[in-house]
N, C-alpha and C. Protein backbone atom coordinates (compact mmCIF):
# COMPACT_ATOMS: atom_id res chain seq x y z
N MET A 1 117.72 40.04 165.65
CA MET A 1 118.88 39.43 164.89
C MET A 1 119.92 38.89 165.48
N PRO A 2 120.44 37.80 165.65
CA PRO A 2 121.40 37.49 166.23
C PRO A 2 122.53 37.81 166.52
N SER A 3 123.76 37.92 167.56
CA SER A 3 125.04 38.33 167.13
C SER A 3 126.00 37.30 167.85
N ASP A 4 127.20 37.45 167.64
CA ASP A 4 128.05 36.46 168.48
C ASP A 4 127.63 36.30 169.64
N LYS A 5 126.99 37.36 170.17
CA LYS A 5 126.53 37.28 171.71
C LYS A 5 125.12 37.56 171.55
N ALA A 6 124.65 37.02 170.44
CA ALA A 6 122.94 37.24 170.68
C ALA A 6 122.23 38.08 170.88
N ASP A 7 122.83 39.36 170.19
CA ASP A 7 122.33 40.52 170.68
C ASP A 7 120.78 40.96 170.26
N ALA A 8 120.20 39.98 169.27
CA ALA A 8 118.98 40.47 168.37
C ALA A 8 118.29 39.18 168.33
N SER A 9 118.60 38.00 167.89
CA SER A 9 117.52 37.22 167.79
C SER A 9 117.97 36.09 168.02
N SER A 10 119.31 35.49 168.58
CA SER A 10 120.23 34.18 168.27
C SER A 10 119.44 33.92 169.78
N SER A 11 118.43 33.33 170.18
CA SER A 11 117.74 33.01 171.30
C SER A 11 116.68 32.45 170.90
N SER A 12 116.23 31.37 171.74
CA SER A 12 115.12 30.48 171.22
C SER A 12 114.04 31.25 172.37
N THR A 13 114.68 32.10 173.43
CA THR A 13 113.62 32.99 174.12
C THR A 13 112.47 33.60 173.71
N PRO A 14 111.25 33.21 173.59
CA PRO A 14 110.14 34.19 173.12
C PRO A 14 110.25 35.50 172.93
N ALA A 15 110.01 36.00 172.32
CA ALA A 15 110.12 37.71 171.92
C ALA A 15 108.89 38.16 173.41
N ALA A 16 109.67 39.29 173.65
CA ALA A 16 108.69 39.81 174.73
C ALA A 16 107.90 41.02 174.17
N THR A 17 106.74 41.62 175.11
CA THR A 17 105.39 42.04 174.23
C THR A 17 106.59 43.47 173.76
N ASP A 18 106.34 43.84 172.45
CA ASP A 18 106.80 45.10 171.69
C ASP A 18 106.88 46.14 172.67
N THR A 19 108.23 46.52 172.90
CA THR A 19 108.24 48.17 173.35
C THR A 19 108.38 49.15 172.53
N PRO A 20 107.32 50.41 172.64
CA PRO A 20 107.53 50.92 171.35
C PRO A 20 108.78 51.82 171.48
N ALA A 21 109.16 52.19 169.95
CA ALA A 21 110.63 52.74 170.06
C ALA A 21 110.69 54.12 170.38
N VAL A 22 111.77 54.00 170.94
CA VAL A 22 111.88 55.85 171.80
C VAL A 22 112.36 56.90 171.15
N ASP A 23 111.59 57.68 170.23
CA ASP A 23 111.94 58.50 169.67
C ASP A 23 111.58 59.98 169.94
N THR A 24 110.80 59.70 171.04
CA THR A 24 110.63 61.29 171.74
C THR A 24 110.74 61.16 173.43
N ALA A 25 111.11 62.43 173.84
CA ALA A 25 111.21 62.57 175.43
C ALA A 25 110.16 62.66 176.42
N LYS A 26 109.98 61.71 177.34
CA LYS A 26 108.59 62.12 178.11
C LYS A 26 109.23 62.61 179.56
N ALA A 27 110.21 62.92 179.95
CA ALA A 27 110.98 63.44 181.01
C ALA A 27 110.26 65.03 180.74
N THR A 28 110.34 65.65 181.72
CA THR A 28 109.75 66.96 181.70
C THR A 28 110.46 67.73 182.94
N ASN A 29 110.69 69.09 182.70
CA ASN A 29 111.17 69.55 183.91
C ASN A 29 112.45 69.23 184.45
N ILE A 30 113.34 68.97 183.32
CA ILE A 30 114.76 68.62 183.08
C ILE A 30 115.88 69.80 182.63
N VAL A 31 116.89 69.68 183.33
CA VAL A 31 117.92 70.96 182.81
C VAL A 31 119.31 70.23 182.70
N TRP A 32 119.54 70.36 181.35
CA TRP A 32 121.08 69.87 181.51
C TRP A 32 121.97 70.66 182.53
N HIS A 33 122.98 69.91 182.95
CA HIS A 33 123.67 70.20 183.90
C HIS A 33 125.23 70.20 183.74
N ASP A 34 126.04 71.12 183.21
CA ASP A 34 127.19 70.72 182.57
C ASP A 34 128.16 70.44 183.76
N GLY A 35 129.33 70.01 183.39
CA GLY A 35 130.76 69.39 184.40
C GLY A 35 131.15 70.70 184.52
N ALA A 36 132.22 70.77 185.51
CA ALA A 36 133.47 71.68 186.03
C ALA A 36 134.37 72.17 185.05
N PHE A 37 134.45 71.19 183.81
CA PHE A 37 135.41 71.22 182.71
C PHE A 37 134.78 70.72 181.54
N THR A 38 135.68 71.01 180.73
CA THR A 38 135.06 70.37 178.91
C THR A 38 135.51 68.81 178.74
N ARG A 39 135.01 68.03 178.02
CA ARG A 39 135.76 67.33 177.47
C ARG A 39 137.42 67.34 177.06
N THR A 40 137.40 68.37 176.36
CA THR A 40 139.20 69.08 176.32
C THR A 40 139.83 68.84 177.02
N GLU A 41 139.26 69.42 178.18
CA GLU A 41 140.15 69.70 179.25
C GLU A 41 140.43 68.05 179.73
N ARG A 42 139.44 67.19 180.03
CA ARG A 42 139.34 65.87 180.61
C ARG A 42 140.23 65.27 179.57
N GLU A 43 140.31 65.42 178.62
CA GLU A 43 141.16 64.68 177.53
C GLU A 43 142.78 65.16 177.77
N GLU A 44 142.94 66.27 177.97
CA GLU A 44 144.29 66.85 178.00
C GLU A 44 145.05 66.10 179.37
N LEU A 45 144.12 66.27 180.42
CA LEU A 45 144.47 65.45 181.89
C LEU A 45 144.52 63.93 181.66
N LEU A 46 143.46 63.57 181.14
CA LEU A 46 144.00 62.08 181.58
C LEU A 46 144.86 61.40 180.15
N LYS A 47 145.07 62.61 179.19
CA LYS A 47 146.01 62.12 177.85
C LYS A 47 145.63 60.90 177.24
N GLN A 48 144.31 61.28 177.00
CA GLN A 48 143.60 60.02 176.18
C GLN A 48 142.37 60.76 175.78
N LYS A 49 141.90 60.29 174.13
CA LYS A 49 140.75 60.35 173.56
C LYS A 49 139.68 59.28 173.81
N GLY A 50 138.39 59.82 174.05
CA GLY A 50 137.37 59.05 173.81
C GLY A 50 136.84 58.67 172.51
N LEU A 51 136.34 57.87 172.39
CA LEU A 51 135.38 57.62 171.14
C LEU A 51 134.63 56.02 171.45
N THR A 52 134.17 55.78 170.03
CA THR A 52 133.21 54.52 169.83
C THR A 52 133.49 54.07 169.21
N LEU A 53 133.97 52.34 168.87
CA LEU A 53 134.34 51.57 167.71
C LEU A 53 132.97 50.64 168.04
N TRP A 54 132.26 50.80 166.95
CA TRP A 54 131.26 49.98 166.85
C TRP A 54 131.29 48.86 165.83
N PHE A 55 131.49 47.51 166.33
CA PHE A 55 131.53 46.34 165.66
C PHE A 55 130.38 46.02 165.73
N THR A 56 129.89 45.79 163.92
CA THR A 56 128.78 45.16 163.45
C THR A 56 128.90 43.76 162.53
N GLY A 57 128.09 43.02 162.38
CA GLY A 57 128.44 41.84 161.37
C GLY A 57 127.49 40.75 161.91
N LEU A 58 127.29 39.86 160.94
CA LEU A 58 126.31 38.67 161.17
C LEU A 58 127.16 38.03 162.69
N SER A 59 125.95 37.08 163.23
CA SER A 59 126.34 36.07 164.30
C SER A 59 127.45 35.11 163.53
N ALA A 60 128.57 34.87 164.70
CA ALA A 60 129.40 34.07 164.61
C ALA A 60 130.67 34.90 163.50
N SER A 61 130.43 36.04 163.34
CA SER A 61 131.52 36.58 162.50
C SER A 61 132.59 36.83 163.07
N GLY A 62 133.11 36.85 164.21
CA GLY A 62 134.28 37.53 164.73
C GLY A 62 134.25 38.31 165.83
N LYS A 63 132.82 39.17 165.83
CA LYS A 63 132.99 40.55 166.40
C LYS A 63 133.67 40.54 167.86
N SER A 64 132.87 39.66 168.71
CA SER A 64 133.34 39.90 169.91
C SER A 64 134.86 39.47 170.27
N THR A 65 135.09 38.36 169.67
CA THR A 65 136.14 38.11 169.51
C THR A 65 137.49 38.87 169.11
N LEU A 66 137.11 39.66 168.13
CA LEU A 66 137.75 40.74 167.44
C LEU A 66 138.13 41.96 168.73
N ALA A 67 136.80 42.16 169.26
CA ALA A 67 136.93 43.34 170.28
C ALA A 67 137.43 42.71 171.68
N SER A 68 137.30 41.94 172.05
CA SER A 68 137.65 41.44 172.97
C SER A 68 139.67 41.72 173.30
N ALA A 69 140.16 40.82 171.78
CA ALA A 69 141.34 40.88 171.38
C ALA A 69 141.87 42.30 171.65
N LEU A 70 140.89 43.51 171.05
CA LEU A 70 141.44 45.03 171.08
C LEU A 70 141.50 45.46 172.25
N GLU A 71 140.43 45.14 173.12
CA GLU A 71 140.36 45.88 174.36
C GLU A 71 141.50 45.38 175.49
N GLN A 72 141.77 44.12 175.13
CA GLN A 72 142.99 43.62 175.88
C GLN A 72 144.41 43.76 175.60
N HIS A 73 144.29 44.56 174.14
CA HIS A 73 145.45 44.78 173.73
C HIS A 73 146.00 46.09 174.32
N LEU A 74 144.60 47.46 174.26
CA LEU A 74 144.30 48.70 174.70
C LEU A 74 145.18 48.72 175.92
N VAL A 75 144.27 48.13 176.70
CA VAL A 75 144.53 48.00 178.13
C VAL A 75 146.03 47.78 178.68
N HIS A 76 146.44 46.79 177.63
CA HIS A 76 147.71 46.47 178.26
C HIS A 76 149.24 47.45 177.98
N LEU A 77 148.43 48.71 177.05
CA LEU A 77 149.20 50.10 176.54
C LEU A 77 149.02 50.85 177.57
N GLY A 78 148.13 50.72 178.63
CA GLY A 78 147.81 51.72 179.64
C GLY A 78 146.54 52.79 178.62
N ILE A 79 145.92 52.36 178.09
CA ILE A 79 144.80 52.80 177.37
C ILE A 79 143.25 52.35 178.46
N SER A 80 142.80 53.06 178.54
CA SER A 80 141.54 53.02 179.14
C SER A 80 140.20 52.45 178.11
N ALA A 81 139.92 51.23 178.17
CA ALA A 81 139.03 50.77 177.10
C ALA A 81 138.30 50.04 177.79
N TYR A 82 137.15 49.77 177.43
CA TYR A 82 135.68 48.69 177.64
C TYR A 82 134.85 48.46 176.72
N ARG A 83 134.56 47.18 176.79
CA ARG A 83 133.71 46.24 175.88
C ARG A 83 132.17 46.30 176.36
N LEU A 84 131.36 46.62 175.40
CA LEU A 84 130.15 46.28 175.90
C LEU A 84 129.57 45.47 174.69
N ASP A 85 129.41 44.28 175.25
CA ASP A 85 128.75 43.27 174.29
C ASP A 85 127.21 43.05 174.88
N GLY A 86 126.92 42.59 173.44
CA GLY A 86 125.51 42.32 173.28
C GLY A 86 124.82 41.22 174.02
N ASP A 87 125.13 40.01 174.31
CA ASP A 87 124.63 39.00 175.17
C ASP A 87 124.57 39.69 176.75
N ASN A 88 125.96 40.13 177.07
CA ASN A 88 126.42 40.92 178.34
C ASN A 88 124.80 42.07 178.76
N ILE A 89 124.96 43.12 177.71
CA ILE A 89 124.14 43.82 178.22
C ILE A 89 122.28 43.43 178.21
N ARG A 90 122.26 42.68 178.01
CA ARG A 90 120.72 41.90 178.14
C ARG A 90 120.59 41.34 179.21
N PHE A 91 121.72 41.15 179.97
CA PHE A 91 121.62 40.22 181.38
C PHE A 91 121.18 41.46 182.53
N GLY A 92 121.51 42.73 182.03
CA GLY A 92 121.42 43.85 182.84
C GLY A 92 120.23 45.13 182.35
N LEU A 93 121.03 46.08 181.57
CA LEU A 93 120.69 47.22 181.20
C LEU A 93 119.47 46.73 180.35
N ASN A 94 119.39 45.72 179.18
CA ASN A 94 118.42 45.55 178.08
C ASN A 94 117.70 44.50 178.62
N LYS A 95 117.93 44.06 180.00
CA LYS A 95 116.95 42.27 180.24
C LYS A 95 115.76 42.94 179.91
N ASN A 96 114.85 43.99 179.97
CA ASN A 96 113.69 44.09 179.77
C ASN A 96 113.10 43.69 178.47
N LEU A 97 113.98 43.87 177.42
CA LEU A 97 113.82 43.84 176.00
C LEU A 97 113.97 42.24 175.09
N GLY A 98 112.63 42.17 174.56
CA GLY A 98 112.96 41.13 173.45
C GLY A 98 113.83 41.31 172.24
N PHE A 99 113.08 40.53 171.22
CA PHE A 99 113.53 40.59 170.27
C PHE A 99 112.45 40.96 168.91
N SER A 100 111.54 41.48 169.21
CA SER A 100 110.77 42.43 168.25
C SER A 100 111.36 43.40 167.50
N PRO A 101 111.58 43.70 166.52
CA PRO A 101 111.63 44.88 165.66
C PRO A 101 111.69 46.19 166.89
N ALA A 102 110.86 46.33 167.33
CA ALA A 102 110.41 47.91 168.02
C ALA A 102 111.77 47.74 169.39
N ASP A 103 112.02 46.28 169.89
CA ASP A 103 112.65 46.11 171.29
C ASP A 103 114.19 46.13 170.49
N ARG A 104 114.65 45.41 169.37
CA ARG A 104 115.72 45.53 168.77
C ARG A 104 116.30 47.16 168.39
N THR A 105 115.59 47.86 168.06
CA THR A 105 116.36 49.34 167.84
C THR A 105 115.97 49.85 169.00
N GLU A 106 115.27 49.78 170.18
CA GLU A 106 115.14 50.05 171.82
C GLU A 106 116.69 49.57 172.16
N ASN A 107 117.13 48.44 172.19
CA ASN A 107 118.23 48.00 172.53
C ASN A 107 119.23 48.65 171.78
N ILE A 108 119.51 48.80 170.43
CA ILE A 108 120.87 49.67 169.96
C ILE A 108 120.80 51.02 170.28
N ARG A 109 119.57 51.76 170.60
CA ARG A 109 119.54 53.19 171.06
C ARG A 109 120.27 53.21 172.45
N ARG A 110 119.79 52.39 173.35
CA ARG A 110 120.36 52.23 174.80
C ARG A 110 121.83 52.14 174.80
N ILE A 111 121.95 51.34 174.05
CA ILE A 111 123.78 51.08 173.97
C ILE A 111 124.67 52.07 173.52
N GLY A 112 123.87 52.54 172.38
CA GLY A 112 124.66 54.09 172.00
C GLY A 112 124.64 54.93 172.73
N GLU A 113 123.39 55.35 173.67
CA GLU A 113 123.35 56.47 174.47
C GLU A 113 124.74 55.69 175.40
N VAL A 114 124.85 54.41 176.19
CA VAL A 114 125.90 54.42 176.90
C VAL A 114 127.61 54.50 176.19
N ALA A 115 127.51 53.99 175.19
CA ALA A 115 128.79 53.93 174.58
C ALA A 115 129.10 55.58 174.09
N LYS A 116 128.23 56.13 174.26
CA LYS A 116 128.36 57.48 174.06
C LYS A 116 128.86 58.23 175.49
N LEU A 117 128.53 57.69 176.77
CA LEU A 117 129.10 58.17 177.84
C LEU A 117 130.32 57.79 178.09
N PHE A 118 130.52 56.65 177.73
CA PHE A 118 131.74 55.73 178.15
C PHE A 118 132.92 56.75 177.49
N ALA A 119 132.58 57.11 175.99
CA ALA A 119 133.18 57.98 175.23
C ALA A 119 133.69 59.41 175.62
N ASP A 120 132.46 59.83 176.20
CA ASP A 120 132.52 61.32 176.49
C ASP A 120 133.66 61.31 177.88
N ALA A 121 133.85 60.03 178.51
CA ALA A 121 134.53 59.97 179.95
C ALA A 121 135.83 59.68 179.36
N THR A 122 136.23 59.83 178.43
CA THR A 122 137.35 59.74 177.66
C THR A 122 137.99 58.28 177.25
N VAL A 123 136.97 57.47 177.58
CA VAL A 123 136.96 55.76 177.34
C VAL A 123 137.21 55.27 176.20
N VAL A 124 137.61 54.35 175.35
CA VAL A 124 137.27 54.08 174.44
C VAL A 124 136.57 52.73 174.66
N ALA A 125 135.12 52.83 173.76
CA ALA A 125 134.04 51.89 174.16
C ALA A 125 134.08 50.86 172.59
N LEU A 126 134.15 49.81 173.15
CA LEU A 126 134.26 48.85 172.10
C LEU A 126 132.38 48.16 172.04
N THR A 127 132.13 48.35 171.19
CA THR A 127 130.27 47.78 171.24
C THR A 127 130.55 46.77 170.06
N SER A 128 130.01 45.66 170.54
CA SER A 128 129.62 44.38 169.75
C SER A 128 128.42 43.90 169.84
N PHE A 129 127.77 44.31 168.66
CA PHE A 129 126.01 43.69 168.16
C PHE A 129 126.20 43.70 166.71
N ILE A 130 124.96 42.93 166.64
CA ILE A 130 124.83 42.16 165.08
C ILE A 130 124.49 43.87 164.88
N SER A 131 123.29 44.56 165.39
CA SER A 131 122.93 45.79 164.66
C SER A 131 122.62 45.90 163.13
N PRO A 132 121.70 44.79 162.86
CA PRO A 132 121.71 44.58 161.24
C PRO A 132 120.89 45.72 160.47
N TYR A 133 119.98 46.72 160.96
CA TYR A 133 119.52 48.04 160.35
C TYR A 133 120.34 49.01 160.54
N ARG A 134 121.04 49.27 159.22
CA ARG A 134 121.50 50.65 158.94
C ARG A 134 120.96 51.69 159.20
N ALA A 135 119.70 51.80 159.73
CA ALA A 135 118.85 53.16 160.09
C ALA A 135 119.22 53.44 161.58
N ASP A 136 119.29 52.28 162.37
CA ASP A 136 119.54 51.92 163.80
C ASP A 136 121.37 52.28 163.98
N ARG A 137 122.07 52.01 163.19
CA ARG A 137 123.67 52.43 163.31
C ARG A 137 123.81 53.74 163.15
N ASP A 138 123.24 54.58 161.96
CA ASP A 138 122.98 55.72 161.61
C ASP A 138 122.42 56.53 162.52
N SER A 139 121.67 56.01 163.01
CA SER A 139 121.18 56.78 164.43
C SER A 139 122.20 57.10 165.77
N VAL A 140 122.87 55.95 165.84
CA VAL A 140 123.90 56.25 167.18
C VAL A 140 124.83 57.02 166.20
N ARG A 141 125.31 56.86 165.52
CA ARG A 141 126.59 57.69 164.70
C ARG A 141 126.35 59.23 164.81
N ALA A 142 124.64 59.71 164.28
CA ALA A 142 124.40 60.83 164.67
C ALA A 142 124.43 61.47 165.93
N LEU A 143 124.12 60.27 166.96
CA LEU A 143 123.97 60.87 168.43
C LEU A 143 125.53 61.18 168.47
N HIS A 144 126.22 60.64 167.89
CA HIS A 144 127.88 61.02 168.55
C HIS A 144 128.71 62.27 167.72
N ASP A 145 127.92 62.43 166.45
CA ASP A 145 128.24 63.19 165.63
C ASP A 145 127.61 64.69 166.28
N VAL A 146 126.66 64.64 166.78
CA VAL A 146 125.90 65.98 167.44
C VAL A 146 126.80 66.17 168.62
N ALA A 147 127.38 65.32 169.37
CA ALA A 147 128.19 65.57 170.64
C ALA A 147 129.65 65.74 170.40
N GLY A 148 129.81 65.64 168.96
CA GLY A 148 131.49 65.82 168.77
C GLY A 148 132.33 64.69 169.42
N ILE A 149 131.77 63.44 169.40
CA ILE A 149 132.56 62.29 169.61
C ILE A 149 132.57 61.62 168.53
N PRO A 150 133.90 61.27 168.32
CA PRO A 150 134.13 60.01 167.14
C PRO A 150 133.54 58.90 167.28
N PHE A 151 133.08 58.38 166.18
CA PHE A 151 132.25 56.97 166.01
C PHE A 151 132.76 56.59 164.62
N VAL A 152 133.65 55.19 165.04
CA VAL A 152 134.07 54.42 163.62
C VAL A 152 133.24 52.86 163.80
N GLU A 153 132.86 52.85 162.70
CA GLU A 153 131.85 51.77 162.20
C GLU A 153 133.18 50.46 161.77
N VAL A 154 133.08 49.44 162.50
CA VAL A 154 133.91 48.31 161.84
C VAL A 154 132.82 47.37 161.87
N PHE A 155 133.10 46.92 160.47
CA PHE A 155 132.19 46.02 159.60
C PHE A 155 133.31 44.45 159.45
N VAL A 156 132.75 43.58 160.39
CA VAL A 156 133.34 42.31 160.39
C VAL A 156 132.53 41.40 159.82
N ASP A 157 133.47 41.26 158.51
CA ASP A 157 132.59 40.52 157.39
C ASP A 157 133.10 39.09 156.93
N VAL A 158 131.85 38.66 157.07
CA VAL A 158 132.10 36.89 156.61
C VAL A 158 130.93 36.74 155.81
N PRO A 159 131.54 35.66 155.01
CA PRO A 159 130.09 35.33 154.28
C PRO A 159 129.33 34.61 155.08
N VAL A 160 128.01 34.34 155.10
CA VAL A 160 126.89 33.75 155.69
C VAL A 160 127.35 31.73 155.90
N GLU A 161 127.82 31.49 154.83
CA GLU A 161 128.22 30.31 154.94
C GLU A 161 129.54 29.88 156.02
N VAL A 162 130.55 30.91 155.59
CA VAL A 162 131.23 30.66 156.95
C VAL A 162 131.26 30.43 158.03
N ALA A 163 129.98 31.79 158.62
CA ALA A 163 129.44 32.02 159.78
C ALA A 163 128.54 30.79 160.46
N GLU A 164 128.13 30.32 159.18
CA GLU A 164 127.12 29.16 159.83
C GLU A 164 127.99 27.98 159.56
N SER A 165 128.98 27.84 159.30
CA SER A 165 129.80 26.38 159.64
C SER A 165 130.75 26.63 160.80
N ARG A 166 130.72 28.11 161.45
CA ARG A 166 131.15 27.98 162.81
C ARG A 166 130.12 27.63 163.75
N ASP A 167 129.22 28.66 163.72
CA ASP A 167 128.14 27.97 164.34
C ASP A 167 128.34 27.51 166.20
N PRO A 168 129.12 28.24 166.67
CA PRO A 168 129.55 28.04 167.99
C PRO A 168 128.78 27.62 168.91
N LYS A 169 127.26 28.46 168.84
CA LYS A 169 126.19 27.92 169.93
C LYS A 169 125.58 27.24 169.16
N GLY A 170 125.23 26.74 167.90
CA GLY A 170 124.61 25.71 167.27
C GLY A 170 123.23 26.93 166.74
N LEU A 171 123.51 28.15 167.00
CA LEU A 171 122.07 28.91 166.21
C LEU A 171 121.68 29.05 164.90
N TYR A 172 122.86 28.96 164.02
CA TYR A 172 122.32 28.55 162.64
C TYR A 172 121.81 27.50 162.50
N LYS A 173 121.87 26.27 163.21
CA LYS A 173 121.13 24.92 162.92
C LYS A 173 119.62 25.17 163.30
N LYS A 174 119.46 25.64 164.56
CA LYS A 174 118.59 26.00 165.06
C LYS A 174 117.22 26.82 163.93
N ALA A 175 118.04 27.76 163.43
CA ALA A 175 117.44 28.57 163.00
C ALA A 175 117.01 27.96 161.33
N ARG A 176 117.59 26.67 161.07
CA ARG A 176 117.66 25.93 159.75
C ARG A 176 116.33 25.36 160.06
N GLN A 177 116.20 25.05 161.42
CA GLN A 177 115.26 23.98 161.43
C GLN A 177 113.82 24.66 161.84
N GLY A 178 114.05 26.13 161.72
CA GLY A 178 112.89 26.59 162.28
C GLY A 178 112.09 26.81 163.59
N LEU A 179 113.53 26.67 164.60
CA LEU A 179 113.06 27.23 165.72
C LEU A 179 113.69 28.18 166.46
N ILE A 180 114.24 29.29 165.45
CA ILE A 180 114.64 30.74 165.99
C ILE A 180 113.98 31.04 164.95
N PRO A 181 112.81 32.48 165.09
CA PRO A 181 112.41 32.74 163.86
C PRO A 181 113.42 34.15 163.54
N GLU A 182 112.91 34.96 162.33
CA GLU A 182 113.88 35.85 161.92
C GLU A 182 115.44 36.07 162.14
N PHE A 183 115.98 35.00 161.99
CA PHE A 183 117.39 34.78 162.21
C PHE A 183 118.15 35.51 161.07
N THR A 184 119.26 36.49 161.62
CA THR A 184 119.69 37.26 160.46
C THR A 184 120.77 36.50 160.10
N GLY A 185 120.49 36.74 158.58
CA GLY A 185 121.30 36.14 157.61
C GLY A 185 121.00 34.70 156.91
N ILE A 186 119.56 34.53 157.81
CA ILE A 186 118.76 32.95 157.40
C ILE A 186 117.72 33.56 156.79
N SER A 187 116.86 33.88 158.00
CA SER A 187 115.79 34.41 157.57
C SER A 187 115.02 35.91 157.88
N ALA A 188 116.01 36.51 158.06
CA ALA A 188 116.09 37.91 158.08
C ALA A 188 117.22 38.51 157.72
N PRO A 189 116.83 39.72 157.19
CA PRO A 189 118.28 40.56 156.43
C PRO A 189 118.78 41.22 157.28
N TYR A 190 120.59 40.96 156.73
CA TYR A 190 121.68 42.01 157.43
C TYR A 190 121.70 42.99 156.58
N GLU A 191 121.95 44.69 156.76
CA GLU A 191 122.21 45.59 155.76
C GLU A 191 123.46 45.98 156.18
N ALA A 192 123.94 45.34 155.41
CA ALA A 192 125.94 45.98 155.24
C ALA A 192 126.19 47.18 155.28
N PRO A 193 127.25 47.84 156.23
CA PRO A 193 127.51 49.17 155.95
C PRO A 193 127.84 49.27 154.63
N GLU A 194 127.63 50.60 154.16
CA GLU A 194 128.11 51.16 152.96
C GLU A 194 129.32 51.56 152.97
N LYS A 195 129.99 52.40 154.07
CA LYS A 195 130.66 52.87 154.03
C LYS A 195 131.57 52.69 155.44
N PRO A 196 131.51 51.56 155.86
CA PRO A 196 132.58 51.74 157.24
C PRO A 196 133.71 52.55 157.24
N GLU A 197 134.00 52.96 158.23
CA GLU A 197 135.47 53.17 158.41
C GLU A 197 136.88 52.17 158.45
N ILE A 198 136.14 51.00 158.87
CA ILE A 198 137.14 49.76 158.90
C ILE A 198 136.23 48.87 158.71
N HIS A 199 137.01 48.04 157.42
CA HIS A 199 136.12 46.71 157.22
C HIS A 199 137.62 45.64 156.80
N ILE A 200 136.81 44.99 157.97
CA ILE A 200 137.89 43.61 158.45
C ILE A 200 137.12 42.09 157.35
N LEU A 201 138.27 41.62 156.75
CA LEU A 201 137.40 40.25 155.85
C LEU A 201 138.24 39.14 156.76
N ASN A 202 137.12 39.12 157.88
CA ASN A 202 137.20 38.16 158.94
C ASN A 202 137.36 36.91 158.54
N ASP A 203 137.41 36.18 157.60
CA ASP A 203 137.53 34.90 157.21
C ASP A 203 139.15 34.71 156.30
N LYS A 204 139.66 35.95 156.27
CA LYS A 204 140.73 36.12 155.47
C LYS A 204 141.90 36.39 156.59
N LEU A 205 141.68 36.81 157.70
CA LEU A 205 142.70 37.38 158.46
C LEU A 205 142.68 36.88 160.14
N SER A 206 144.07 36.82 160.69
CA SER A 206 143.79 36.21 161.92
C SER A 206 143.23 37.41 162.69
N ILE A 207 143.09 37.09 164.10
CA ILE A 207 142.84 38.05 165.11
C ILE A 207 143.80 39.29 165.43
N GLU A 208 145.12 38.76 165.41
CA GLU A 208 146.32 39.74 165.38
C GLU A 208 146.18 40.44 164.29
N GLU A 209 145.72 40.18 163.28
CA GLU A 209 146.08 40.99 161.97
C GLU A 209 144.88 42.18 162.16
N GLY A 210 143.83 41.63 162.29
CA GLY A 210 142.87 42.51 162.76
C GLY A 210 142.62 43.59 163.45
N VAL A 211 143.28 43.21 164.58
CA VAL A 211 143.70 44.27 165.58
C VAL A 211 144.96 45.06 165.16
N GLN A 212 145.84 44.85 164.60
CA GLN A 212 146.64 46.13 163.63
C GLN A 212 145.85 46.91 162.83
N ILE A 213 145.17 46.06 162.02
CA ILE A 213 144.24 47.03 161.46
C ILE A 213 143.67 47.98 161.88
N ILE A 214 143.09 48.29 163.00
CA ILE A 214 142.11 48.91 163.58
C ILE A 214 143.23 49.74 164.26
N VAL A 215 143.97 49.18 164.56
CA VAL A 215 145.01 50.61 165.78
C VAL A 215 145.66 51.07 164.82
N ARG A 216 146.24 50.55 163.58
CA ARG A 216 146.52 51.56 162.67
C ARG A 216 145.89 52.58 162.09
N TYR A 217 144.29 52.24 161.98
CA TYR A 217 143.37 53.20 161.79
C TYR A 217 143.57 54.22 162.54
N LEU A 218 142.95 54.09 163.80
CA LEU A 218 143.15 54.99 164.93
C LEU A 218 144.51 55.84 165.11
N GLU A 219 145.64 55.45 164.96
CA GLU A 219 146.93 56.10 164.94
C GLU A 219 147.06 56.84 163.98
N GLU A 220 146.55 56.52 162.71
CA GLU A 220 146.46 57.30 161.54
C GLU A 220 145.60 58.55 161.65
N LYS A 221 144.12 58.25 162.10
CA LYS A 221 143.05 59.60 162.37
C LYS A 221 143.81 60.35 163.65
N LYS A 222 144.72 59.88 164.24
CA LYS A 222 144.58 60.55 165.50
C LYS A 222 144.24 60.45 167.00
N LEU A 223 143.54 59.27 166.69
CA LEU A 223 142.62 59.25 167.94
C LEU A 223 142.75 58.17 168.49
N LEU A 224 144.34 57.45 168.45
CA LEU A 224 145.16 56.90 169.68
C LEU A 224 146.35 57.33 169.44
N THR A 225 147.35 57.28 170.60
CA THR A 225 148.59 57.80 170.43
C THR A 225 149.14 56.41 171.49
N ILE A 226 150.30 55.81 170.84
CA ILE A 226 150.81 54.92 171.73
C ILE A 226 152.19 55.26 171.48
């Protein structure tokens, strides 16, 4: 399923061979090695809390633009933040994944694990992925919950008609022509969050207003101190 950054099916690249979803551990003879201090001690020393902000929405909804603006705002305030973007991740970590259902699930699983590591290091991790399946997003949330790391789902919401009218990379046009199969919002479903922590109506707000809404939420929940 495609994203502003084509994280799922916004590419004409043929799908790779199905990669089985990773739900069981194959590694053996391994033992978790705790560090010399706890996450709480790290947060106290670095004077910052780590968390994951998970931006989800249709392709061309403005996820990446909003996440980029928020990242810039936070870093200018002296807050360590890093954006993990759908297309960018596929240039490296996930370059061996295609756009089959199994590969899409593995794509989200991997980035969920990476985001958790960033957040554990007291960085504000901002992920921008369509992540159209509710089950995949819930799995990432559960991963954070088990680790005791805050997970904030940000639903960047626009009607598909608005997203299609924007179409910065011409992906909706290709999908209408049948050149991109299983394109989210056109020929494949997007399962909207039922109870996102933050709901941005991105066809009615400016980027600055969207950033303000997110920052205000984080301050109210004491996840961010400015």
